[in-house]
Amino acid sequence: MPERPVFYFTRMMTAYRIPVLERLDERLGGRLVVCAGQPPQASSLRSLTGEQPGRFRQVALRNHWFRGETVHAQPFRQVFQDFGRPAVVLAEESPRSLSLPFLLRYARRQGAGRLLWGHFSSNDRPFSPRHPADRYRLALARSVEACVCYTEPIADLLRPYVPAERLFVARNTLDTDTLFALHDALAAEGREAVRRRLGLPTDAPVLVFIGRLIETKGTARLLDVFGALRAQKAAHLLVIGAGPEQRALEERVAREHLDGVHFLGALPAWADSAPYLFAADVMLMPGYLGLAVNHAFAFGVPVVSQAAPDPAIRFHSPEAAYVEPGENGLLARPNDTASMLEAVERILADHARFSQNALAYARAHLTLDQMVDGLEAAIRFAETPS
């Protein structure tokens, strides 16, 4: 009798998640069925979705969105009818999913182990078991067989409320197999040669920003910091990404005559963005951090951002936990351009050490296999009869 499938339900299939799911599907012997919808038509999240399907079974679901991209629901019963009773249902953890509790209840009736995978908390306010949203999230976390957390600090947040044996960590990361291979090929070419190939000076600081060009990424302060650096020395800024703030940024660069800013657009292929990252001295991310930390570290690029404006609020996505201030990056005082500029200059003055530490951290802690290890362990746990 064939083994029962493993269903993964998510709002949308992001391109960076495909290698993780492909590796997981291999570990599970081809049992993974990925059930994903699409972001709203006008959403900037569309830049994250992949055109190329992964090497796993995939079901296109119709998302129903409410209040823009704030709340959504997914139909799910047809997946059970088409693929049979699953061994495990792995679901994206989100209080904004109206269908999630119904999916978990239905999966239980089907005899499936249930896993939640996600943040389990908000970036925008303090975590509190008395807050209605956090109380709801904890209720769901306690109701399932296990929880898969993005980072150790997220797991620590749940430990007072969820038994330790039901908590798993799958450190959120990117396709590091590909990123490390690209880094090694570029290292063989040499940094000066790569810069010359890209038309960049070999003896001037190069900063890079990579991500959606949206206000919460700190795009305005990005130019504030670069302008202050440029006033002191020749420097270049590589802006990789697209989004609603791009036009305002380009107009400001022209208005203020900020030489050295290069708008490269979205470069979704790793091979296209790799030379620019490898050529950079510092990744400058004035707003909230996310997987850009992993991307930078894989090329030995230290990260500069800001500390959370309120210590009780995470502010950044969980991947900010990978930044070890003074070792592989620096977190400036909140909303302080001068402090951020000082952080950039400190890294430039000690670049070799920061760069080595960033790359070493990625190779030791942020590999694709380590992430899949955590996911596989949780799935094996959930499908084992208690």
Protein backbone atom coordinates (compact mmCIF):
# COMPACT_ATOMS: atom_id res chain seq x y z
CA MET A 1 0.00 0.00 0.00
CA PRO A 2 1.52 3.38 -1.01
CA GLU A 3 2.39 5.86 1.71
CA ARG A 4 -0.13 8.62 2.29
CA PRO A 5 0.70 12.09 0.90
CA VAL A 6 1.81 15.16 2.81
CA PHE A 7 -0.14 18.33 2.01
CA TYR A 8 1.35 21.81 2.36
CA PHE A 9 -1.12 24.72 2.25
CA THR A 10 0.23 28.23 1.71
CA ARG A 11 -1.13 31.56 0.51
CA MET A 12 1.17 31.64 -2.52
CA MET A 13 4.17 29.90 -4.01
CA THR A 14 7.18 32.19 -3.68
CA ALA A 15 10.10 31.51 -5.99
CA TYR A 16 12.61 31.34 -3.13
CA ARG A 17 10.61 28.57 -1.42
CA ILE A 18 10.67 26.18 -4.40
CA PRO A 19 14.18 24.68 -3.76
CA VAL A 20 13.24 24.02 -0.12
CA LEU A 21 10.09 22.18 -1.12
CA GLU A 22 11.88 20.25 -3.85
CA ARG A 23 14.45 18.99 -1.33
CA LEU A 24 11.70 18.19 1.16
CA ASP A 25 9.78 16.26 -1.49
CA GLU A 26 12.91 14.18 -2.18
CA ARG A 27 13.26 13.40 1.52
CA LEU A 28 9.59 12.34 1.66
CA GLY A 29 9.86 10.04 -1.35
CA GLY A 30 7.73 12.20 -3.64
CA ARG A 31 4.77 12.43 -1.27
CA LEU A 32 4.57 16.24 -1.03
CA VAL A 33 1.54 18.03 -2.52
CA VAL A 34 1.89 21.83 -2.47
CA CYS A 35 -1.41 23.72 -2.44
CA ALA A 36 -0.95 27.42 -3.18
CA GLY A 37 -2.93 30.40 -4.39
CA GLN A 38 -1.93 33.78 -5.82
CA PRO A 39 -1.53 37.25 -4.28
CA PRO A 40 -4.01 39.99 -5.21
CA GLN A 41 -3.64 41.28 -8.75
CA ALA A 42 -2.08 44.65 -7.89
CA SER A 43 0.05 43.45 -4.96
CA SER A 44 3.81 43.99 -4.85
CA LEU A 45 3.97 40.42 -3.53
CA ARG A 46 3.54 39.26 -7.12
CA SER A 47 7.22 40.01 -7.67
CA LEU A 48 8.02 37.17 -5.24
CA THR A 49 6.00 34.47 -6.99
CA GLY A 50 7.74 32.11 -9.38
CA GLU A 51 6.84 31.41 -12.98
CA GLN A 52 8.63 28.05 -13.00
CA PRO A 53 6.81 25.17 -11.28
CA GLY A 54 8.75 23.07 -8.81
CA ARG A 55 9.56 19.39 -9.13
CA PHE A 56 6.72 18.34 -6.84
CA ARG A 57 3.00 17.91 -7.20
CA GLN A 58 1.30 21.28 -7.09
CA VAL A 59 -2.35 22.32 -6.83
CA ALA A 60 -3.49 25.81 -7.78
CA LEU A 61 -6.02 27.11 -5.29
CA ARG A 62 -8.24 30.14 -5.70
CA ASN A 63 -7.52 32.64 -2.96
CA HIS A 64 -10.32 34.89 -1.77
CA TRP A 65 -8.83 38.18 -0.55
CA PHE A 66 -10.51 40.72 1.72
CA ARG A 67 -9.35 44.22 2.70
CA GLY A 68 -6.67 44.27 0.02
CA GLU A 69 -4.12 41.62 0.91
CA THR A 70 -4.88 41.66 4.64
CA VAL A 71 -7.20 38.65 5.05
CA HIS A 72 -7.73 35.63 2.85
CA ALA A 73 -9.45 32.26 2.61
CA GLN A 74 -8.73 29.15 0.54
CA PRO A 75 -10.95 26.26 -0.51
CA PHE A 76 -9.26 23.01 0.52
CA ARG A 77 -11.64 20.03 0.44
CA GLN A 78 -11.07 19.23 -3.24
CA VAL A 79 -7.39 18.51 -2.50
CA PHE A 80 -8.43 15.77 -0.05
CA GLN A 81 -10.84 14.33 -2.60
CA ASP A 82 -8.26 14.34 -5.40
CA PHE A 83 -5.26 12.97 -3.47
CA GLY A 84 -6.84 10.97 -0.68
CA ARG A 85 -6.35 11.08 3.06
CA PRO A 86 -2.98 12.67 3.89
CA ALA A 87 -0.53 11.50 6.53
CA VAL A 88 0.25 15.11 7.47
CA VAL A 89 -1.13 18.55 6.70
CA LEU A 90 1.50 21.31 6.96
CA ALA A 91 -0.15 24.73 6.95
CA GLU A 92 1.15 28.27 6.83
CA GLU A 93 0.53 29.79 10.26
CA SER A 94 -1.36 33.07 9.99
CA PRO A 95 -4.15 34.71 11.99
CA ARG A 96 -5.21 36.36 8.73
CA SER A 97 -6.29 33.06 7.19
CA LEU A 98 -10.04 32.67 7.68
CA SER A 99 -9.95 29.09 6.41
CA LEU A 100 -7.03 27.87 8.56
CA PRO A 101 -9.00 26.63 11.61
CA PHE A 102 -11.47 24.83 9.34
CA LEU A 103 -8.59 23.20 7.45
CA LEU A 104 -7.02 21.98 10.69
CA ARG A 105 -10.32 20.61 11.95
CA TYR A 106 -11.00 18.83 8.65
CA ALA A 107 -7.47 17.37 8.59
CA ARG A 108 -8.01 15.97 12.08
CA ARG A 109 -11.20 14.27 10.96
CA GLN A 110 -9.22 12.73 8.11
CA GLY A 111 -6.75 11.25 10.59
CA ALA A 112 -3.87 13.49 9.49
CA GLY A 113 -1.10 14.84 11.69
CA ARG A 114 -1.21 18.63 11.67
CA LEU A 115 1.67 21.10 11.60
CA LEU A 116 1.75 24.88 11.68
CA TRP A 117 4.75 26.63 10.09
CA GLY A 118 5.40 30.33 10.52
CA HIS A 119 6.07 33.36 12.72
CA PHE A 120 3.53 32.72 15.53
CA SER A 121 3.76 36.40 16.44
CA SER A 122 3.60 39.89 14.98
CA ASN A 123 6.47 42.11 13.86
CA ASP A 124 4.44 45.20 14.75
CA ARG A 125 3.45 44.86 18.41
CA PRO A 126 4.61 43.14 21.60
CA PHE A 127 3.73 39.46 21.97
CA SER A 128 1.17 38.93 24.73
CA PRO A 129 -0.96 35.86 25.52
CA ARG A 130 -3.69 38.32 26.55
CA HIS A 131 -3.86 39.98 23.13
CA PRO A 132 -6.78 38.49 21.13
CA ALA A 133 -4.64 37.72 18.06
CA ASP A 134 -1.86 36.09 20.10
CA ARG A 135 -4.38 34.18 22.21
CA TYR A 136 -5.88 32.84 18.98
CA ARG A 137 -2.46 31.91 17.58
CA LEU A 138 -1.52 30.10 20.78
CA ALA A 139 -4.81 28.21 20.78
CA LEU A 140 -4.09 26.93 17.27
CA ALA A 141 -0.46 26.15 18.16
CA ARG A 142 -1.56 24.07 21.15
CA SER A 143 -4.22 22.27 19.11
CA VAL A 144 -1.89 20.77 16.49
CA GLU A 145 0.62 17.94 16.72
CA ALA A 146 3.65 20.21 16.26
CA CYS A 147 4.82 23.71 15.32
CA VAL A 148 7.67 24.57 12.94
CA CYS A 149 9.35 27.88 13.82
CA TYR A 150 11.50 30.05 11.56
CA THR A 151 14.13 30.70 14.23
CA GLU A 152 15.14 29.70 17.75
CA PRO A 153 13.80 32.98 19.24
CA ILE A 154 10.36 32.16 17.79
CA ALA A 155 10.51 28.71 19.40
CA ASP A 156 11.54 30.34 22.68
CA LEU A 157 8.47 32.55 22.47
CA LEU A 158 6.22 29.46 22.33
CA ARG A 159 8.02 27.33 24.95
CA PRO A 160 5.93 28.54 27.93
CA TYR A 161 2.75 27.51 26.10
CA VAL A 162 3.60 24.52 23.86
CA PRO A 163 5.40 21.34 25.03
CA ALA A 164 9.06 21.37 23.97
CA GLU A 165 8.81 18.05 22.12
CA ARG A 166 6.22 19.62 19.81
CA LEU A 167 8.45 22.54 18.80
CA PHE A 168 10.76 22.29 15.79
CA VAL A 169 13.05 24.89 14.21
CA ALA A 170 13.60 25.10 10.47
CA ARG A 171 15.84 28.14 10.10
CA ASN A 172 14.32 30.11 7.26
CA THR A 173 16.75 30.40 4.38
CA LEU A 174 17.25 30.47 0.62
CA ASP A 175 18.74 28.10 -1.95
CA THR A 176 22.18 28.25 -0.39
CA ASP A 177 23.48 25.39 -2.54
CA THR A 178 23.13 27.66 -5.57
CA LEU A 179 24.21 30.83 -3.75
CA PHE A 180 27.40 29.29 -2.35
CA ALA A 181 28.31 27.88 -5.76
CA LEU A 182 27.84 31.32 -7.32
CA HIS A 183 29.95 32.89 -4.57
CA ASP A 184 32.77 30.42 -5.13
CA ALA A 185 32.77 31.00 -8.90
CA LEU A 186 32.90 34.76 -8.39
CA ALA A 187 35.65 34.42 -5.78
CA ALA A 188 37.70 32.52 -8.35
CA GLU A 189 37.21 35.40 -10.78
CA GLY A 190 38.26 37.91 -8.12
CA ARG A 191 36.47 40.88 -6.62
CA GLU A 192 38.32 43.53 -8.60
CA ALA A 193 37.66 41.69 -11.85
CA VAL A 194 33.96 41.39 -11.03
CA ARG A 195 33.75 45.10 -10.26
CA ARG A 196 35.46 46.01 -13.51
CA ARG A 197 33.07 43.74 -15.41
CA LEU A 198 30.13 45.57 -13.81
CA GLY A 199 31.58 49.00 -14.51
CA LEU A 200 32.21 49.73 -10.82
CA PRO A 201 35.37 51.30 -9.40
CA THR A 202 37.71 48.93 -7.60
CA ASP A 203 38.73 51.44 -4.93
CA ALA A 204 35.43 53.01 -3.78
CA PRO A 205 32.83 51.78 -1.27
CA VAL A 206 29.88 49.97 -2.83
CA LEU A 207 26.61 49.61 -0.93
CA VAL A 208 23.75 47.36 -2.02
CA PHE A 209 20.04 47.24 -1.25
CA ILE A 210 17.95 44.26 -2.32
CA GLY A 211 14.23 43.94 -1.80
CA ARG A 212 10.86 45.35 -2.73
CA LEU A 213 10.91 49.12 -3.05
CA ILE A 214 8.27 49.84 -0.45
CA GLU A 215 8.21 52.47 2.29
CA THR A 216 8.58 50.01 5.17
CA LYS A 217 11.91 48.84 3.75
CA GLY A 218 13.30 52.28 4.59
CA THR A 219 13.79 53.47 1.03
CA ALA A 220 13.80 57.17 1.99
CA ARG A 221 16.52 56.71 4.64
CA LEU A 222 18.48 54.60 2.16
CA LEU A 223 19.17 57.73 0.13
CA ASP A 224 19.70 59.82 3.28
CA VAL A 225 22.53 57.55 4.41
CA PHE A 226 24.04 57.18 0.98
CA GLY A 227 23.90 60.93 0.39
CA ALA A 228 25.74 61.53 3.67
CA LEU A 229 28.40 58.97 2.72
CA ARG A 230 28.70 60.37 -0.78
CA ALA A 231 29.31 63.84 0.68
CA GLN A 232 32.47 62.45 2.31
CA LYS A 233 33.84 60.16 -0.41
CA ALA A 234 33.12 58.68 -3.79
CA ALA A 235 30.74 55.76 -3.29
CA HIS A 236 28.19 53.72 -5.21
CA LEU A 237 24.77 52.36 -4.31
CA LEU A 238 23.26 49.36 -6.10
CA VAL A 239 19.47 49.18 -5.77
CA ILE A 240 18.14 45.73 -6.69
CA GLY A 241 14.37 45.51 -6.67
CA ALA A 242 11.17 47.08 -7.91
CA GLY A 243 8.07 48.48 -6.30
CA PRO A 244 5.85 51.51 -5.79
CA GLU A 245 8.63 53.69 -4.33
CA GLN A 246 10.95 53.37 -7.33
CA ARG A 247 9.75 56.45 -9.19
CA ALA A 248 10.04 58.67 -6.11
CA LEU A 249 13.56 57.38 -5.50
CA GLU A 250 14.63 58.00 -9.07
CA GLU A 251 13.18 61.52 -9.00
CA ARG A 252 14.99 62.30 -5.77
CA VAL A 253 18.30 61.02 -7.14
CA ALA A 254 17.91 63.30 -10.16
CA ARG A 255 16.76 66.28 -8.08
CA GLU A 256 19.61 66.01 -5.58
CA HIS A 257 22.23 65.04 -8.18
CA LEU A 258 23.13 61.88 -6.24
CA ASP A 259 25.78 60.39 -8.48
CA GLY A 260 26.62 56.73 -8.11
CA VAL A 261 23.10 55.33 -7.60
CA HIS A 262 22.33 52.40 -9.92
CA PHE A 263 18.72 51.19 -10.22
CA LEU A 264 19.05 47.62 -11.45
CA GLY A 265 15.41 46.59 -11.24
CA ALA A 266 14.19 43.24 -9.97
CA LEU A 267 16.73 40.48 -10.60
CA PRO A 268 14.85 37.32 -9.62
CA ALA A 269 17.46 34.91 -11.01
CA TRP A 270 20.21 34.25 -8.45
CA ALA A 271 22.87 34.32 -11.18
CA ASP A 272 21.82 37.83 -12.25
CA SER A 273 22.02 39.42 -8.80
CA ALA A 274 25.07 37.44 -7.62
CA PRO A 275 27.84 39.60 -9.17
CA TYR A 276 26.37 42.79 -7.70
CA LEU A 277 26.13 41.28 -4.23
CA PHE A 278 29.63 39.86 -4.44
CA ALA A 279 30.96 43.27 -5.52
CA ALA A 280 29.36 45.09 -2.59
CA ASP A 281 30.99 46.01 0.71
CA VAL A 282 27.82 46.45 2.78
CA MET A 283 24.15 45.61 2.44
CA LEU A 284 22.25 48.68 3.67
CA MET A 285 18.65 47.88 4.69
CA PRO A 286 17.30 50.86 6.66
CA GLY A 287 13.82 49.37 7.16
CA TYR A 288 12.82 45.92 8.33
CA LEU A 289 15.05 42.94 7.64
CA GLY A 290 14.03 39.58 6.21
CA LEU A 291 15.62 36.97 3.96
CA ALA A 292 17.87 39.65 2.48
CA VAL A 293 20.11 38.84 5.48
CA ASN A 294 20.61 35.28 4.19
CA HIS A 295 21.17 36.55 0.65
CA ALA A 296 23.85 38.98 1.76
CA PHE A 297 25.64 36.58 4.09
CA ALA A 298 25.86 33.91 1.38
CA PHE A 299 28.12 36.32 -0.54
CA GLY A 300 30.06 37.50 2.50
CA VAL A 301 28.30 40.86 2.64
CA PRO A 302 27.72 42.24 6.17
CA VAL A 303 24.38 43.92 6.91
CA VAL A 304 23.58 47.35 8.32
CA SER A 305 20.07 48.11 9.50
CA GLN A 306 18.45 49.68 12.54
CA ALA A 307 17.52 48.22 15.90
CA ALA A 308 13.84 47.88 16.68
CA PRO A 309 12.44 51.32 17.65
CA ASP A 310 10.68 49.67 20.60
CA PRO A 311 12.59 46.84 22.37
CA ALA A 312 9.28 45.10 23.10
CA ILE A 313 8.42 44.91 19.40
CA ARG A 314 10.35 42.69 17.00
CA PHE A 315 9.95 45.15 14.07
CA HIS A 316 12.03 42.98 11.73
CA SER A 317 11.07 39.62 10.30
CA PRO A 318 12.56 36.68 12.25
CA GLU A 319 15.66 36.46 10.04
CA ALA A 320 17.03 39.57 11.78
CA ALA A 321 18.07 37.16 14.54
CA TYR A 322 20.91 36.02 12.26
CA VAL A 323 22.60 39.42 12.55
CA GLU A 324 25.17 39.33 15.35
CA PRO A 325 26.01 43.01 15.93
CA GLY A 326 29.72 43.67 15.83
CA GLU A 327 30.41 40.34 14.13
CA ASN A 328 28.54 40.01 10.82
CA GLY A 329 26.64 43.29 10.80
CA LEU A 330 25.49 46.27 12.84
CA LEU A 331 22.13 47.62 13.98
CA ALA A 332 22.08 51.41 14.25
CA ARG A 333 19.97 53.50 16.57
CA PRO A 334 16.36 53.60 15.34
CA ASN A 335 15.45 56.28 12.81
CA ASP A 336 18.92 57.81 13.08
CA THR A 337 20.68 58.53 9.81
CA ALA A 338 23.93 59.58 11.50
CA SER A 339 24.05 56.34 13.50
CA MET A 340 23.44 54.28 10.37
CA LEU A 341 26.17 56.13 8.51
CA GLU A 342 28.52 55.48 11.43
CA ALA A 343 27.68 51.77 11.22
CA VAL A 344 28.45 51.70 7.50
CA GLU A 345 31.79 53.42 8.07
CA ARG A 346 32.67 51.05 10.91
CA ILE A 347 32.16 48.05 8.65
CA LEU A 348 34.11 49.64 5.81
CA ALA A 349 37.02 50.17 8.21
CA ASP A 350 37.00 46.49 9.29
CA HIS A 351 35.51 44.95 6.17
CA ALA A 352 37.58 41.77 5.90
CA ARG A 353 36.56 40.55 9.36
CA PHE A 354 32.87 41.41 8.99
CA SER A 355 32.78 39.79 5.54
CA GLN A 356 34.46 36.58 6.69
CA ASN A 357 32.08 36.33 9.63
CA ALA A 358 29.01 36.87 7.45
CA LEU A 359 30.00 34.10 5.03
CA ALA A 360 31.03 31.75 7.84
CA TYR A 361 27.69 32.27 9.59
CA ALA A 362 25.76 31.43 6.43
CA ARG A 363 27.77 28.27 5.76
CA ALA A 364 27.45 27.10 9.37
CA HIS A 365 23.84 28.01 10.16
CA LEU A 366 21.78 28.91 7.09
CA THR A 367 22.10 25.97 4.71
CA LEU A 368 19.21 24.60 2.70
CA ASP A 369 19.68 21.13 4.19
CA GLN A 370 19.45 22.46 7.75
CA MET A 371 16.09 24.03 6.99
CA VAL A 372 14.79 20.85 5.38
CA ASP A 373 16.09 18.83 8.35
CA GLY A 374 13.76 20.79 10.64
CA LEU A 375 10.76 20.42 8.35
CA GLU A 376 11.33 16.70 7.82
CA ALA A 377 11.75 16.05 11.54
CA ALA A 378 8.45 17.80 12.29
CA ILE A 379 6.63 15.84 9.57
CA ARG A 380 8.03 12.51 10.79
CA PHE A 381 6.94 13.42 14.31
CA ALA A 382 3.42 14.40 13.22
CA GLU A 383 2.81 11.29 11.17
CA THR A 384 3.97 8.90 13.90
CA PRO A 385 0.95 7.56 15.84
CA SER A 386 1.03 8.87 19.40
